[in-house]
Amino acid sequence: MKSILKSLAIVGLVAGFAASVSAATTTMSGVISDSMCGASHAKMTAGHAGMTDRACALACVKAGGKYVFVADGKVYNIANQSFADLGKNAGETVNLTGDVSGDTITVSKVAMEKKK
């Protein structure tokens, strides 16, 4: 009986710790891209004259890719794909705010980066 109680206590502690570190709201500067191209649209834009990063990202999402966010060379999956500002700002450098958990972000705000 004591071992069962001890096991339950340990499971409770681990679950509590995991819940407290699971997501952290942060704002990052980066580019809204797509899962097919990731950090670089170079292959697609080189093969299609006049294609922009924005057009590439939108085409890849239309073809079944997902929106991703690229910041400091890291590609983050976006949990809430239906967030309206993703399509509006695809291919653009933005300040994105959301809850980050591992390599996934749940977006709460997207704002165009101010030009310097």
N, C-alpha and C. Protein backbone atom coordinates (compact mmCIF):
# COMPACT_ATOMS: atom_id res chain seq x y z
N MET A 1 0.82 -1.19 0.00
CA MET A 1 0.00 0.00 0.00
C MET A 1 0.86 1.26 0.00
N LYS A 2 1.94 1.26 0.80
CA LYS A 2 2.82 2.42 0.86
C LYS A 2 3.49 2.66 -0.49
N SER A 3 3.85 1.58 -1.18
CA SER A 3 4.51 1.75 -2.48
C SER A 3 3.56 2.35 -3.50
N ILE A 4 2.29 2.01 -3.41
CA ILE A 4 1.30 2.58 -4.33
C ILE A 4 1.15 4.07 -4.06
N LEU A 5 1.06 4.45 -2.80
CA LEU A 5 0.94 5.86 -2.44
C LEU A 5 2.18 6.64 -2.86
N LYS A 6 3.34 6.03 -2.67
CA LYS A 6 4.59 6.68 -3.07
C LYS A 6 4.61 6.90 -4.60
N SER A 7 4.19 5.89 -5.33
CA SER A 7 4.16 5.98 -6.79
C SER A 7 3.21 7.07 -7.25
N LEU A 8 2.02 7.14 -6.63
CA LEU A 8 1.05 8.17 -6.98
C LEU A 8 1.58 9.57 -6.68
N ALA A 9 2.28 9.70 -5.56
CA ALA A 9 2.86 10.99 -5.20
C ALA A 9 3.90 11.43 -6.22
N ILE A 10 4.73 10.50 -6.65
CA ILE A 10 5.77 10.81 -7.65
C ILE A 10 5.13 11.20 -8.97
N VAL A 11 4.12 10.45 -9.41
CA VAL A 11 3.43 10.77 -10.66
C VAL A 11 2.80 12.16 -10.57
N GLY A 12 2.20 12.49 -9.43
CA GLY A 12 1.59 13.80 -9.25
C GLY A 12 2.61 14.91 -9.33
N LEU A 13 3.78 14.71 -8.72
CA LEU A 13 4.83 15.73 -8.77
C LEU A 13 5.34 15.93 -10.18
N VAL A 14 5.57 14.85 -10.88
CA VAL A 14 6.07 14.94 -12.26
C VAL A 14 5.04 15.63 -13.15
N ALA A 15 3.77 15.28 -13.01
CA ALA A 15 2.72 15.90 -13.82
C ALA A 15 2.62 17.39 -13.52
N GLY A 16 2.71 17.74 -12.26
CA GLY A 16 2.66 19.16 -11.88
C GLY A 16 3.81 19.94 -12.44
N PHE A 17 4.99 19.37 -12.40
CA PHE A 17 6.17 20.03 -12.95
C PHE A 17 6.05 20.20 -14.46
N ALA A 18 5.61 19.15 -15.14
CA ALA A 18 5.46 19.21 -16.60
C ALA A 18 4.45 20.27 -17.01
N ALA A 19 3.37 20.39 -16.27
CA ALA A 19 2.35 21.40 -16.59
C ALA A 19 2.88 22.81 -16.40
N SER A 20 3.74 23.00 -15.42
CA SER A 20 4.23 24.35 -15.14
C SER A 20 5.28 24.82 -16.14
N VAL A 21 5.96 23.92 -16.82
CA VAL A 21 6.98 24.32 -17.79
C VAL A 21 6.56 24.05 -19.23
N SER A 22 5.31 23.69 -19.45
CA SER A 22 4.89 23.26 -20.77
C SER A 22 4.84 24.38 -21.80
N ALA A 23 4.42 25.57 -21.41
CA ALA A 23 4.30 26.64 -22.39
C ALA A 23 4.70 27.97 -21.77
N ALA A 24 5.40 28.75 -22.57
CA ALA A 24 5.83 30.07 -22.11
C ALA A 24 5.49 31.09 -23.19
N THR A 25 4.74 32.12 -22.83
CA THR A 25 4.38 33.15 -23.80
C THR A 25 5.60 34.02 -24.08
N THR A 26 5.86 34.22 -25.36
CA THR A 26 7.02 35.00 -25.76
C THR A 26 6.71 35.73 -27.07
N THR A 27 7.49 36.75 -27.36
CA THR A 27 7.41 37.45 -28.64
C THR A 27 8.76 37.31 -29.34
N MET A 28 8.71 36.88 -30.59
CA MET A 28 9.94 36.67 -31.38
C MET A 28 9.81 37.37 -32.72
N SER A 29 10.94 37.75 -33.26
CA SER A 29 11.00 38.30 -34.61
C SER A 29 11.44 37.19 -35.55
N GLY A 30 10.72 37.06 -36.66
CA GLY A 30 11.07 36.02 -37.63
C GLY A 30 10.14 36.10 -38.83
N VAL A 31 10.10 35.02 -39.61
CA VAL A 31 9.36 34.99 -40.86
C VAL A 31 8.31 33.88 -40.81
N ILE A 32 7.11 34.20 -41.29
CA ILE A 32 6.08 33.18 -41.45
C ILE A 32 6.36 32.48 -42.77
N SER A 33 6.60 31.19 -42.70
CA SER A 33 6.96 30.40 -43.87
C SER A 33 6.00 29.21 -43.97
N ASP A 34 6.43 28.17 -44.66
CA ASP A 34 5.61 26.97 -44.80
C ASP A 34 6.46 25.73 -44.53
N SER A 35 5.79 24.63 -44.22
CA SER A 35 6.50 23.40 -43.84
C SER A 35 7.21 22.74 -45.01
N MET A 36 6.84 23.03 -46.23
CA MET A 36 7.50 22.43 -47.38
C MET A 36 8.86 23.08 -47.64
N CYS A 37 8.96 24.38 -47.46
CA CYS A 37 10.21 25.11 -47.71
C CYS A 37 10.99 25.38 -46.43
N GLY A 38 10.31 25.50 -45.31
CA GLY A 38 11.00 25.77 -44.05
C GLY A 38 11.66 27.13 -44.04
N ALA A 39 12.96 27.13 -43.79
CA ALA A 39 13.69 28.39 -43.62
C ALA A 39 14.06 29.06 -44.95
N SER A 40 13.97 28.35 -46.07
CA SER A 40 14.42 28.94 -47.33
C SER A 40 13.50 28.57 -48.49
N HIS A 41 13.11 29.59 -49.23
CA HIS A 41 12.29 29.40 -50.43
C HIS A 41 13.16 29.42 -51.68
N ALA A 42 14.47 29.36 -51.53
CA ALA A 42 15.41 29.54 -52.64
C ALA A 42 15.15 28.61 -53.81
N LYS A 43 14.91 27.33 -53.56
CA LYS A 43 14.70 26.39 -54.67
C LYS A 43 13.46 26.73 -55.47
N MET A 44 12.38 27.06 -54.77
CA MET A 44 11.14 27.38 -55.46
C MET A 44 11.23 28.70 -56.21
N THR A 45 11.77 29.73 -55.56
CA THR A 45 11.81 31.04 -56.20
C THR A 45 12.81 31.06 -57.36
N ALA A 46 13.86 30.25 -57.28
CA ALA A 46 14.82 30.18 -58.38
C ALA A 46 14.21 29.51 -59.60
N GLY A 47 13.33 28.54 -59.38
CA GLY A 47 12.72 27.81 -60.48
C GLY A 47 11.50 28.48 -61.08
N HIS A 48 11.01 29.52 -60.46
CA HIS A 48 9.81 30.21 -60.93
C HIS A 48 10.08 31.72 -60.94
N ALA A 49 10.36 32.23 -62.12
CA ALA A 49 10.71 33.65 -62.26
C ALA A 49 9.64 34.55 -61.65
N GLY A 50 10.09 35.49 -60.84
CA GLY A 50 9.19 36.47 -60.24
C GLY A 50 8.46 36.00 -59.00
N MET A 51 8.63 34.75 -58.60
CA MET A 51 7.95 34.26 -57.40
C MET A 51 8.61 34.84 -56.16
N THR A 52 7.80 35.37 -55.28
CA THR A 52 8.29 35.93 -54.01
C THR A 52 8.18 34.87 -52.91
N ASP A 53 8.83 35.14 -51.79
CA ASP A 53 8.71 34.24 -50.64
C ASP A 53 7.26 34.14 -50.20
N ARG A 54 6.54 35.26 -50.25
CA ARG A 54 5.13 35.26 -49.87
C ARG A 54 4.32 34.36 -50.79
N ALA A 55 4.48 34.51 -52.09
CA ALA A 55 3.74 33.70 -53.05
C ALA A 55 4.08 32.22 -52.88
N CYS A 56 5.33 31.93 -52.61
CA CYS A 56 5.77 30.55 -52.40
C CYS A 56 5.10 29.95 -51.16
N ALA A 57 5.12 30.69 -50.05
CA ALA A 57 4.52 30.19 -48.82
C ALA A 57 3.03 29.93 -49.00
N LEU A 58 2.35 30.85 -49.64
CA LEU A 58 0.91 30.68 -49.86
C LEU A 58 0.62 29.50 -50.78
N ALA A 59 1.43 29.33 -51.82
CA ALA A 59 1.25 28.21 -52.75
C ALA A 59 1.50 26.87 -52.05
N CYS A 60 2.54 26.82 -51.22
CA CYS A 60 2.86 25.58 -50.52
C CYS A 60 1.77 25.20 -49.51
N VAL A 61 1.21 26.20 -48.82
CA VAL A 61 0.12 25.93 -47.88
C VAL A 61 -1.12 25.46 -48.64
N LYS A 62 -1.39 26.09 -49.76
CA LYS A 62 -2.54 25.68 -50.58
C LYS A 62 -2.36 24.23 -51.07
N ALA A 63 -1.11 23.83 -51.29
CA ALA A 63 -0.81 22.48 -51.78
C ALA A 63 -0.73 21.44 -50.65
N GLY A 64 -1.04 21.86 -49.43
CA GLY A 64 -1.06 20.90 -48.33
C GLY A 64 -0.03 21.12 -47.25
N GLY A 65 0.86 22.09 -47.42
CA GLY A 65 1.84 22.40 -46.38
C GLY A 65 1.17 23.13 -45.22
N LYS A 66 1.89 23.33 -44.18
CA LYS A 66 1.41 24.04 -43.00
C LYS A 66 2.24 25.30 -42.81
N TYR A 67 1.63 26.30 -42.17
CA TYR A 67 2.41 27.49 -41.81
C TYR A 67 3.40 27.11 -40.71
N VAL A 68 4.60 27.67 -40.79
CA VAL A 68 5.61 27.53 -39.75
C VAL A 68 6.19 28.92 -39.48
N PHE A 69 6.90 29.04 -38.38
CA PHE A 69 7.53 30.31 -38.04
C PHE A 69 9.02 30.07 -37.91
N VAL A 70 9.83 30.87 -38.60
CA VAL A 70 11.28 30.71 -38.59
C VAL A 70 11.89 31.90 -37.85
N ALA A 71 12.57 31.60 -36.73
CA ALA A 71 13.21 32.65 -35.93
C ALA A 71 14.58 32.16 -35.50
N ASP A 72 15.60 32.97 -35.74
CA ASP A 72 16.98 32.63 -35.37
C ASP A 72 17.40 31.26 -35.88
N GLY A 73 17.00 30.93 -37.11
CA GLY A 73 17.39 29.68 -37.74
C GLY A 73 16.61 28.46 -37.28
N LYS A 74 15.68 28.62 -36.34
CA LYS A 74 14.87 27.51 -35.85
C LYS A 74 13.49 27.58 -36.47
N VAL A 75 12.97 26.43 -36.88
CA VAL A 75 11.64 26.35 -37.48
C VAL A 75 10.65 25.84 -36.42
N TYR A 76 9.64 26.65 -36.14
CA TYR A 76 8.60 26.30 -35.16
C TYR A 76 7.34 25.89 -35.90
N ASN A 77 6.74 24.78 -35.50
CA ASN A 77 5.43 24.41 -36.01
C ASN A 77 4.41 25.34 -35.38
N ILE A 78 3.34 25.64 -36.10
CA ILE A 78 2.28 26.50 -35.58
C ILE A 78 1.06 25.64 -35.31
N ALA A 79 0.62 25.65 -34.05
CA ALA A 79 -0.49 24.80 -33.63
C ALA A 79 -1.83 25.26 -34.20
N ASN A 80 -2.07 26.56 -34.20
CA ASN A 80 -3.36 27.08 -34.64
C ASN A 80 -3.25 27.62 -36.08
N GLN A 81 -3.31 26.70 -37.04
CA GLN A 81 -3.14 27.02 -38.45
C GLN A 81 -4.20 27.98 -38.99
N SER A 82 -5.36 28.06 -38.36
CA SER A 82 -6.43 28.90 -38.86
C SER A 82 -6.32 30.35 -38.38
N PHE A 83 -5.27 30.69 -37.63
CA PHE A 83 -5.09 32.06 -37.15
C PHE A 83 -5.01 32.99 -38.37
N ALA A 84 -5.93 33.94 -38.46
CA ALA A 84 -6.12 34.75 -39.67
C ALA A 84 -4.87 35.50 -40.15
N ASP A 85 -4.07 36.00 -39.24
CA ASP A 85 -2.92 36.81 -39.64
C ASP A 85 -1.77 36.00 -40.24
N LEU A 86 -1.83 34.69 -40.19
CA LEU A 86 -0.76 33.88 -40.79
C LEU A 86 -0.75 34.08 -42.31
N GLY A 87 -1.90 33.92 -42.94
CA GLY A 87 -1.98 34.10 -44.39
C GLY A 87 -1.74 35.53 -44.82
N LYS A 88 -2.22 36.47 -44.01
CA LYS A 88 -2.04 37.89 -44.34
C LYS A 88 -0.57 38.29 -44.35
N ASN A 89 0.24 37.62 -43.51
CA ASN A 89 1.65 38.00 -43.36
C ASN A 89 2.63 36.92 -43.82
N ALA A 90 2.15 35.96 -44.58
CA ALA A 90 3.02 34.88 -45.06
C ALA A 90 4.19 35.45 -45.85
N GLY A 91 5.38 34.93 -45.59
CA GLY A 91 6.58 35.36 -46.29
C GLY A 91 7.17 36.65 -45.76
N GLU A 92 6.55 37.25 -44.78
CA GLU A 92 6.99 38.54 -44.25
C GLU A 92 7.71 38.37 -42.91
N THR A 93 8.57 39.33 -42.59
CA THR A 93 9.22 39.37 -41.29
C THR A 93 8.26 40.05 -40.32
N VAL A 94 7.95 39.37 -39.23
CA VAL A 94 6.96 39.86 -38.27
C VAL A 94 7.46 39.67 -36.84
N ASN A 95 6.76 40.30 -35.92
CA ASN A 95 6.91 40.02 -34.50
C ASN A 95 5.72 39.15 -34.14
N LEU A 96 5.99 37.92 -33.74
CA LEU A 96 4.95 36.96 -33.45
C LEU A 96 4.94 36.68 -31.95
N THR A 97 3.77 36.73 -31.34
CA THR A 97 3.61 36.45 -29.92
C THR A 97 2.79 35.18 -29.78
N GLY A 98 3.21 34.33 -28.85
CA GLY A 98 2.45 33.10 -28.63
C GLY A 98 3.05 32.27 -27.52
N ASP A 99 2.39 31.15 -27.25
CA ASP A 99 2.84 30.20 -26.24
C ASP A 99 3.72 29.16 -26.91
N VAL A 100 4.97 29.07 -26.47
CA VAL A 100 5.92 28.13 -27.05
C VAL A 100 6.03 26.91 -26.15
N SER A 101 5.93 25.75 -26.76
CA SER A 101 6.11 24.49 -26.06
C SER A 101 6.97 23.60 -26.97
N GLY A 102 8.23 23.46 -26.62
CA GLY A 102 9.16 22.70 -27.47
C GLY A 102 9.36 23.41 -28.78
N ASP A 103 9.02 22.73 -29.90
CA ASP A 103 9.18 23.34 -31.22
C ASP A 103 7.84 23.76 -31.82
N THR A 104 6.84 23.93 -30.96
CA THR A 104 5.51 24.33 -31.42
C THR A 104 5.09 25.62 -30.74
N ILE A 105 4.47 26.50 -31.52
CA ILE A 105 3.97 27.76 -30.98
C ILE A 105 2.49 27.90 -31.29
N THR A 106 1.74 28.34 -30.29
CA THR A 106 0.33 28.67 -30.47
C THR A 106 0.26 30.19 -30.55
N VAL A 107 -0.05 30.70 -31.71
CA VAL A 107 0.02 32.13 -31.99
C VAL A 107 -1.14 32.88 -31.35
N SER A 108 -0.81 34.02 -30.72
CA SER A 108 -1.86 34.88 -30.17
C SER A 108 -1.85 36.26 -30.84
N LYS A 109 -0.73 36.65 -31.47
CA LYS A 109 -0.64 37.96 -32.10
C LYS A 109 0.47 37.96 -33.16
N VAL A 110 0.19 38.62 -34.27
CA VAL A 110 1.19 38.82 -35.32
C VAL A 110 1.19 40.30 -35.68
N ALA A 111 2.37 40.91 -35.65
CA ALA A 111 2.49 42.32 -36.00
C ALA A 111 3.67 42.49 -36.95
N MET A 112 3.45 43.28 -37.99
CA MET A 112 4.55 43.56 -38.92
C MET A 112 5.71 44.19 -38.16
N GLU A 113 6.92 43.76 -38.48
CA GLU A 113 8.10 44.32 -37.83
C GLU A 113 8.29 45.75 -38.32
N LYS A 114 8.58 46.63 -37.40
CA LYS A 114 8.80 48.03 -37.75
C LYS A 114 10.11 48.17 -38.50
N LYS A 115 10.08 48.92 -39.58
CA LYS A 115 11.29 49.14 -40.38
C LYS A 115 12.21 50.08 -39.62
N LYS A 116 13.51 49.78 -39.67
CA LYS A 116 14.51 50.60 -38.95
C LYS A 116 15.03 51.70 -39.83
